[in-house]
Amino acid sequence: MRRLLHTTALRWQALREPDKREDGVVTVFTIIIAIALMMFAGLAYDGGMALDARVRTLNEAQEAARAGAQALNIGALRAGGPAVLDASAAVTAAQAYLAGTGDAGTVSVNGTTVTVSVTHTRQATLLALAGVGAMTAHATASAKAEQGT
């Protein structure tokens, strides 16, 4: 019984003097919350930039494929034949477009279809503080040369 009374008295004393029992608690809590908020901001910012990079990469692949699909064999067209791609000119046109974007990519021609695969790499900004390095987006698009009527 004596021990119980002593323990109760110590608890009441701790309640009356809160500065003695909570030293540094607010500082640790503030640091943890600040780190969590920075991580959420990093996810929002870098995640949005990753989605933007994905859309940008797809747009670049589509545009490069269209540029390549415009490289028709003019001689065959003037002779009244079907639309035929000049394969080397199509690859050159698509690669020239990709060179202007600064992203890496591959170009292939199969008949009248030009297929372009693009890779875009972007460094994380806020998530780099958490050890996240580069984020890579890949996209592939095709364009087909067709003859109008």
C-alpha atoms as a PDB file:
ATOM      1  CA  MET A   1       0.000   0.000   0.000  1.00  0.00           C
ATOM      2  CA  ARG A   2       2.839   2.348   0.810  1.00  0.00           C
ATOM      3  CA  ARG A   3       4.385   1.717  -2.580  1.00  0.00           C
ATOM      4  CA  LEU A   4       1.097   2.508  -4.336  1.00  0.00           C
ATOM      5  CA  LEU A   5       0.804   5.801  -2.490  1.00  0.00           C
ATOM      6  CA  HIS A   6       4.378   6.717  -3.362  1.00  0.00           C
ATOM      7  CA  THR A   7       3.792   5.926  -7.077  1.00  0.00           C
ATOM      8  CA  THR A   8       0.578   7.958  -7.114  1.00  0.00           C
ATOM      9  CA  ALA A   9       2.331  10.904  -5.469  1.00  0.00           C
ATOM     10  CA  LEU A  10       5.078  10.792  -8.110  1.00  0.00           C
ATOM     11  CA  ARG A  11       2.498  10.789 -10.912  1.00  0.00           C
ATOM     12  CA  TRP A  12       0.696  13.796  -9.422  1.00  0.00           C
ATOM     13  CA  GLN A  13       3.999  15.618  -9.090  1.00  0.00           C
ATOM     14  CA  ALA A  14       4.819  14.877 -12.755  1.00  0.00           C
ATOM     15  CA  LEU A  15       1.424  16.240 -13.804  1.00  0.00           C
ATOM     16  CA  ARG A  16       2.016  19.476 -11.875  1.00  0.00           C
ATOM     17  CA  GLU A  17       5.502  19.928 -13.393  1.00  0.00           C
ATOM     18  CA  PRO A  18       5.130  19.024 -17.098  1.00  0.00           C
ATOM     19  CA  ASP A  19       8.333  20.773 -18.179  1.00  0.00           C
ATOM     20  CA  LYS A  20      10.385  18.119 -16.392  1.00  0.00           C
ATOM     21  CA  ARG A  21       8.870  15.147 -18.187  1.00  0.00           C
ATOM     22  CA  GLU A  22       8.487  16.394 -21.787  1.00  0.00           C
ATOM     23  CA  ASP A  23      11.817  18.032 -22.530  1.00  0.00           C
ATOM     24  CA  GLY A  24      12.600  17.754 -26.241  1.00  0.00           C
ATOM     25  CA  VAL A  25       9.375  15.990 -27.237  1.00  0.00           C
ATOM     26  CA  VAL A  26       8.145  18.904 -29.346  1.00  0.00           C
ATOM     27  CA  THR A  27      11.494  19.171 -31.140  1.00  0.00           C
ATOM     28  CA  VAL A  28      11.525  15.497 -32.155  1.00  0.00           C
ATOM     29  CA  PHE A  29       7.872  15.665 -33.219  1.00  0.00           C
ATOM     30  CA  THR A  30       8.549  18.782 -35.313  1.00  0.00           C
ATOM     31  CA  ILE A  31      11.516  17.166 -37.048  1.00  0.00           C
ATOM     32  CA  ILE A  32       9.545  14.019 -37.879  1.00  0.00           C
ATOM     33  CA  ILE A  33       6.610  16.013 -39.252  1.00  0.00           C
ATOM     34  CA  ALA A  34       8.925  18.274 -41.295  1.00  0.00           C
ATOM     35  CA  ILE A  35      10.626  15.243 -42.857  1.00  0.00           C
ATOM     36  CA  ALA A  36       7.265  13.647 -43.647  1.00  0.00           C
ATOM     37  CA  LEU A  37       6.011  16.854 -45.253  1.00  0.00           C
ATOM     38  CA  MET A  38       9.173  17.104 -47.365  1.00  0.00           C
ATOM     39  CA  MET A  39       8.668  13.522 -48.540  1.00  0.00           C
ATOM     40  CA  PHE A  40       5.039  14.213 -49.487  1.00  0.00           C
ATOM     41  CA  ALA A  41       6.095  17.356 -51.327  1.00  0.00           C
ATOM     42  CA  GLY A  42       8.764  15.322 -53.115  1.00  0.00           C
ATOM     43  CA  LEU A  43       6.227  12.703 -54.138  1.00  0.00           C
ATOM     44  CA  ALA A  44       3.867  15.359 -55.444  1.00  0.00           C
ATOM     45  CA  TYR A  45       6.505  17.383 -57.307  1.00  0.00           C
ATOM     46  CA  ASP A  46       8.731  14.626 -58.647  1.00  0.00           C
ATOM     47  CA  GLY A  47       5.746  12.360 -59.309  1.00  0.00           C
ATOM     48  CA  GLY A  48       4.148  15.116 -61.376  1.00  0.00           C
ATOM     49  CA  MET A  49       7.385  15.678 -63.232  1.00  0.00           C
ATOM     50  CA  ALA A  50       7.643  11.928 -63.933  1.00  0.00           C
ATOM     51  CA  LEU A  51       4.134  11.929 -65.426  1.00  0.00           C
ATOM     52  CA  ASP A  52       5.037  14.986 -67.488  1.00  0.00           C
ATOM     53  CA  ALA A  53       8.174  13.223 -68.719  1.00  0.00           C
ATOM     54  CA  ARG A  54       6.080  10.208 -69.758  1.00  0.00           C
ATOM     55  CA  VAL A  55       3.712  12.391 -71.794  1.00  0.00           C
ATOM     56  CA  ARG A  56       6.627  14.333 -73.280  1.00  0.00           C
ATOM     57  CA  THR A  57       8.396  11.112 -74.258  1.00  0.00           C
ATOM     58  CA  LEU A  58       5.279   9.752 -75.963  1.00  0.00           C
ATOM     59  CA  ASN A  59       4.797  13.040 -77.851  1.00  0.00           C
ATOM     60  CA  GLU A  60       8.405  12.967 -79.033  1.00  0.00           C
ATOM     61  CA  ALA A  61       8.082   9.360 -80.222  1.00  0.00           C
ATOM     62  CA  GLN A  62       4.896  10.173 -82.128  1.00  0.00           C
ATOM     63  CA  GLU A  63       6.355  13.281 -83.750  1.00  0.00           C
ATOM     64  CA  ALA A  64       9.567  11.490 -84.742  1.00  0.00           C
ATOM     65  CA  ALA A  65       7.541   8.647 -86.272  1.00  0.00           C
ATOM     66  CA  ARG A  66       5.451  11.164 -88.244  1.00  0.00           C
ATOM     67  CA  ALA A  67       8.584  12.927 -89.444  1.00  0.00           C
ATOM     68  CA  GLY A  68       9.947   9.607 -90.660  1.00  0.00           C
ATOM     69  CA  ALA A  69       6.669   8.599 -92.313  1.00  0.00           C
ATOM     70  CA  GLN A  70       6.791  11.737 -94.457  1.00  0.00           C
ATOM     71  CA  ALA A  71       9.972  10.537 -96.190  1.00  0.00           C
ATOM     72  CA  LEU A  72       8.197   9.074 -99.192  1.00  0.00           C
ATOM     73  CA  ASN A  73       9.915   7.855-102.320  1.00  0.00           C
ATOM     74  CA  ILE A  74       8.902  10.744-104.578  1.00  0.00           C
ATOM     75  CA  GLY A  75      10.012   8.961-107.770  1.00  0.00           C
ATOM     76  CA  ALA A  76       7.680   6.024-107.124  1.00  0.00           C
ATOM     77  CA  LEU A  77       4.806   8.369-106.317  1.00  0.00           C
ATOM     78  CA  ARG A  78       5.292  10.427-109.493  1.00  0.00           C
ATOM     79  CA  ALA A  79       5.395   7.244-111.539  1.00  0.00           C
ATOM     80  CA  GLY A  80       1.883   6.493-110.292  1.00  0.00           C
ATOM     81  CA  GLY A  81       2.883   3.748-107.888  1.00  0.00           C
ATOM     82  CA  PRO A  82       1.778   3.271-104.299  1.00  0.00           C
ATOM     83  CA  ALA A  83       3.194   5.241-101.385  1.00  0.00           C
ATOM     84  CA  VAL A  84       6.579   3.731-100.597  1.00  0.00           C
ATOM     85  CA  LEU A  85       8.922   4.956 -97.881  1.00  0.00           C
ATOM     86  CA  ASP A  86      12.526   5.769 -98.571  1.00  0.00           C
ATOM     87  CA  ALA A  87      13.785   3.766 -95.566  1.00  0.00           C
ATOM     88  CA  SER A  88      17.118   5.551 -95.133  1.00  0.00           C
ATOM     89  CA  ALA A  89      15.511   8.990 -95.464  1.00  0.00           C
ATOM     90  CA  ALA A  90      12.788   7.982 -92.976  1.00  0.00           C
ATOM     91  CA  VAL A  91      15.358   6.860 -90.402  1.00  0.00           C
ATOM     92  CA  THR A  92      17.400  10.021 -90.958  1.00  0.00           C
ATOM     93  CA  ALA A  93      14.340  12.289 -90.571  1.00  0.00           C
ATOM     94  CA  ALA A  94      13.201  10.576 -87.364  1.00  0.00           C
ATOM     95  CA  GLN A  95      16.696  10.623 -85.859  1.00  0.00           C
ATOM     96  CA  ALA A  96      17.081  14.296 -86.773  1.00  0.00           C
ATOM     97  CA  TYR A  97      13.868  15.050 -84.891  1.00  0.00           C
ATOM     98  CA  LEU A  98      15.071  13.078 -81.862  1.00  0.00           C
ATOM     99  CA  ALA A  99      18.434  14.868 -81.955  1.00  0.00           C
ATOM    100  CA  GLY A 100      16.557  18.156 -81.575  1.00  0.00           C
ATOM    101  CA  THR A 101      14.800  16.916 -78.426  1.00  0.00           C
ATOM    102  CA  GLY A 102      17.957  15.714 -76.727  1.00  0.00           C
ATOM    103  CA  ASP A 103      16.509  12.294 -75.881  1.00  0.00           C
ATOM    104  CA  ALA A 104      17.836   8.907 -76.936  1.00  0.00           C
ATOM    105  CA  GLY A 105      15.840   6.694 -79.244  1.00  0.00           C
ATOM    106  CA  THR A 106      15.784   4.001 -81.888  1.00  0.00           C
ATOM    107  CA  VAL A 107      14.087   4.078 -85.280  1.00  0.00           C
ATOM    108  CA  SER A 108      12.990   1.161 -87.435  1.00  0.00           C
ATOM    109  CA  VAL A 109      11.184   1.001 -90.776  1.00  0.00           C
ATOM    110  CA  ASN A 110       9.029  -1.928 -91.824  1.00  0.00           C
ATOM    111  CA  GLY A 111       7.369  -1.395 -95.196  1.00  0.00           C
ATOM    112  CA  THR A 112       5.380   1.823 -94.867  1.00  0.00           C
ATOM    113  CA  THR A 113       5.473   1.924 -91.055  1.00  0.00           C
ATOM    114  CA  VAL A 114       8.036   3.876 -89.038  1.00  0.00           C
ATOM    115  CA  THR A 115       8.405   2.842 -85.386  1.00  0.00           C
ATOM    116  CA  VAL A 116      10.275   5.029 -82.905  1.00  0.00           C
ATOM    117  CA  SER A 117      11.200   4.157 -79.313  1.00  0.00           C
ATOM    118  CA  VAL A 118      12.314   7.036 -77.071  1.00  0.00           C
ATOM    119  CA  THR A 119      13.932   7.043 -73.631  1.00  0.00           C
ATOM    120  CA  HIS A 120      13.896  10.166 -71.456  1.00  0.00           C
ATOM    121  CA  THR A 121      15.848  10.332 -68.185  1.00  0.00           C
ATOM    122  CA  ARG A 122      15.253  12.978 -65.523  1.00  0.00           C
ATOM    123  CA  GLN A 123      16.922  13.451 -62.152  1.00  0.00           C
ATOM    124  CA  ALA A 124      14.694  13.598 -59.086  1.00  0.00           C
ATOM    125  CA  THR A 125      14.658  16.960 -57.315  1.00  0.00           C
ATOM    126  CA  LEU A 126      13.128  16.664 -53.849  1.00  0.00           C
ATOM    127  CA  LEU A 127      13.170  12.866 -53.722  1.00  0.00           C
ATOM    128  CA  ALA A 128      16.925  12.987 -54.303  1.00  0.00           C
ATOM    129  CA  LEU A 129      17.136  13.850 -50.597  1.00  0.00           C
ATOM    130  CA  ALA A 130      15.674  10.401 -49.889  1.00  0.00           C
ATOM    131  CA  GLY A 131      18.078   8.649 -52.243  1.00  0.00           C
ATOM    132  CA  VAL A 132      15.895   8.456 -55.359  1.00  0.00           C
ATOM    133  CA  GLY A 133      18.130   9.055 -58.366  1.00  0.00           C
ATOM    134  CA  ALA A 134      17.098   9.196 -61.991  1.00  0.00           C
ATOM    135  CA  MET A 135      13.590   8.512 -63.259  1.00  0.00           C
ATOM    136  CA  THR A 136      13.322   7.053 -66.748  1.00  0.00           C
ATOM    137  CA  ALA A 137      10.348   7.170 -69.123  1.00  0.00           C
ATOM    138  CA  HIS A 138      10.041   4.961 -72.205  1.00  0.00           C
ATOM    139  CA  ALA A 139       7.583   5.308 -75.064  1.00  0.00           C
ATOM    140  CA  THR A 140       7.105   3.720 -78.478  1.00  0.00           C
ATOM    141  CA  ALA A 141       5.012   5.075 -81.335  1.00  0.00           C
ATOM    142  CA  SER A 142       4.407   4.174 -84.966  1.00  0.00           C
ATOM    143  CA  ALA A 143       3.272   6.101 -88.007  1.00  0.00           C
ATOM    144  CA  LYS A 144       2.204   4.661 -91.348  1.00  0.00           C
ATOM    145  CA  ALA A 145       2.663   6.386 -94.671  1.00  0.00           C
ATOM    146  CA  GLU A 146      -0.602   6.296 -96.602  1.00  0.00           C
ATOM    147  CA  GLN A 147      -1.583   7.560 -99.985  1.00  0.00           C
ATOM    148  CA  GLY A 148      -4.631   9.798-100.231  1.00  0.00           C
ATOM    149  CA  THR A 149      -7.251   9.476-102.920  1.00  0.00           C
END
